[in-house]
Amino acid sequence: MRTVPMMRRKCWSLLAVSLLALAGCSDSSEPGEEPGPGTDGPGVIPGEGSECLGAKFLTSLGKDKLLVGAQMEDDTAKSAPFDVRYLYIAAGLFDSKDACNSCASGCTSNGASCSNSGEGCGWWGCWQYDQEPPGAYVRDFIKSAKDQGQIPFITYYEEFQASGYTEGKQQLAALNDAKFLERYLADWRFLLKQVGQEKAMLQIEPDMWAYLQFFPADGKPQSTPVALKAANPTDCGGQENNAAGLGKCMIAMARKYAPNAKVGLHASAWATKTDVSANTDASFNVAAEANKVADFLLQVGAADTDFVTVEASDRDSGWYEKTQGKSGWWDPENHTLPHFHQAFTWANAVTLRLNKPHLWWQLPLGNMGLPNTDKQWRDNRVDYFLTHPAEVAKAGGVGFLFGAGNYEQTTPETDGGNFVKRVKAYKQAGGQAACVP
């Protein structure tokens, strides 16, 4: 679970900070071509693929080695041969039924003007100079990534931030509010139109799918009502009015409005009410628990996606230890649970069930050479993932993206240079091919 603070910024200032990083994690003593179009096709039978999914996916991106990337600032993006750069869209919505035509006049978000003369608004579409057409925040990000030869990856995490509800069960109630959902789906459509014909990667609503499985007593997407047909009859009129229909509609919208983008949902290790990433019971059936998550995602449309994202933690382990009094560490020796091999077993089971490769996302950026203070926490994921890429590939992974889960966490800019050093070493060693036997 993660909590990303609502972003309220004066529009003109976002020209300078539009690529702000949000993620991080690591544990060693030493500080450590563009995508091709579309899905493999609808109706993929889960778990029956015998081909090397990772190699096929990477080839479709113009790559042949595991991807490495991050959410990072411009200078960092230029400092190493990153494959992917990601952007987190998490904020409010416009107040009108559809996206604003101008940021300079007549556009508000939660009552605040989106013009540069105001205090700034919560809608990401106007985080820019107000004389430009709305959406420059995303268009400029895509251009910046492409200029560096990097694949633009966009995380769409809007439902909680825009709902006005408490995170978790309460936020799901907004999905059955036709007026809210109309604006929400209009925002999703607007984002997709900014991507347009560009080649990019899209991650749809991490956490939301997990909450939709976690809270209903039967764990089924059909148990959560969603006012889909009333909110967007054009794009979603043929879908069920529940969470299963919502997932399928959002994926179909991506195919319609951003046809060259790769699309993925997110698999959360805690969605079944048992957090496998923290499991300490050696007799626990990790693969069976992963299958429950994968089966839920198949019901919301995952068969028609291109990949699935998975994560380790949204915070550095040192942050959890020092500020929350609990451990978030994985044993890098893989002797004591929880450890990396358990996480890879879970991710591999998800991949096999979905018949989709997985991509590690929002990995923490800390390292053991840091002082364990604000924005410089200790962790071991950077050092482990970038020195054990064959383990990731063997489990069906196609890469690793690093980023801070909130503003207190370690970033690529605050980690003392460990992340960039590790990325350079990974690339200089030739990278890692997919699908290790």
Foldseek 3Di string as FASTA:
>chain_A
DFDADADFAQQACCVQVLLPFAFAFAEDQPLFQAAFFFAPDPDDAFQPDPDQQLQVRQVRGVHFFFFEAARDDLVLLQLFLHAAYEDEQEHAFWPDLADDQFQQDDTATPRWRCANVTRGHRHQQRSHHGVDTGPVSVLVQCVSQVVSNYAYEYEYAYQQRHQPFDPAPGSLVSQAVLSSLLRVVNSLLVNLLSLAAPEHEYEYHPPPLLSCQQPDPVSAQQVRFGNQCSSCVPQQVVAHRTQLSVLQSSLSSNCVGHRGYAYEYEQACCSNVDNQLQDQDPPDDLLVSLLSSLVRVVSSPLLRGAAYEYEQDQAYQLCCCPVVVDGSAADLVPPGPPHDLSVLQSQLSSCSRSVHAYEYESYRHEDSVFPSFFQHHHHRPLVSCLVPVVSCQQSRHRYYYHGHSYRRGHGCVRHVNNNSVSSNVCVVVPHHGHHDD
